[in-house]
């Protein structure tokens, strides 16, 4: 399997603990939680496994060097001196992502540009030809991270962000990111132990991620490719063994997942996406207005949804909309644990129910709250007795 090395998994704010837990369960060592990232150790097979199986990771990076930089010349020289021919050939292509937290380096695009120049110049000077830049399907995706004066250079083993699972061909306005959807389900504590419903399902991201969690299906099984597949040392037999082992852990799911939306086009798109993921048998989709609905099962129900915030989807009267959410939950959904995410804190006050949990997350750039309302059978007082 080869020896262990350090890796960094990037994630969304608020999902760091979940990601650490996922990595621990998969068998990672030396786990350290940062902000929007978790560092860990594993071998090459583990790197493949983390990309395939982590629901809350956005990228799995493999750091190859770190050094001090104090000027653009420093950066260029240090990058130029690295043995890039070990990682790709002059006939290959590259893409560079840069993040900077530094007074000296303030522009990430410029750092990416300087890095590209240094790599390309090294190849030209050595081989007389240079790799091209290809932002979509590069042979090698490189990540440069500058924190004050420390520059860390990593190979991006994921390629495109891991939220691009490969099942979503159809999208609605303001769709939720797949990693955020999976994280919300995991934060809610639902893992397939009862029915689950998204009453405003849009393109079906939450219910599709839920079906994968319930059946323990690797989230990135439907992806076209990972970054590591174009590396010179890619071991296809090892990857296939890792994939087979993950598939052998798929389990049965004995409850129902419901996806409702008032918009017939959204429901059509959601059905398509679930079908792309081969999960259509686990999810019942229906065109339905949540405000005219009630619980269809006598069993315990989890509800997880992403109502309009009035940021990207506008609602005529947002306060009334949120008040209606509260009243529908109260009158139609006893025995339900309802979770919803919103960035509209003003509208949230109109729900008229007291949340029993509030978790800070970000939906895109929007600071949001993921809140839980527990709708008891009978009154809360009876429940306590």
Foldseek 3Di string as FASTA:
>chain_A
DDDKAKKKFFFFAQCQVVQLVQLVVLPWAPWDTDGRMIMTMDDPLSLLLCLQFRLGTFFIWGWDDKDFADALVRLLVVLLPDPCCLWDAQAFEEFEFEDEAEPRDDDRVVSRVSSQVSQQVSNCVVPVGHHYYDLQQTLWYWYWYYHHGMIIIITTFFRGTSLPQQLQPDADWQDFRLSVLLSLCVVVVDQQPEEEEEAAQQLNSNLLSNLCSNFQPGSNPNPPDGSNVSTPPDDVVSSVVSNVVSVVSGHDHDYAYEYEHLDPVRLVNNCSSSVSVVNNVRYHYDHDDLLPDADPDPAAYEYEYEDDQCPGDHDPDLLVVLCSQLVSCQPGPANYKYKYKYLNPVSPVSSPADFPDWGWTARVPRTIIITIGHRHDPDPVVVVD
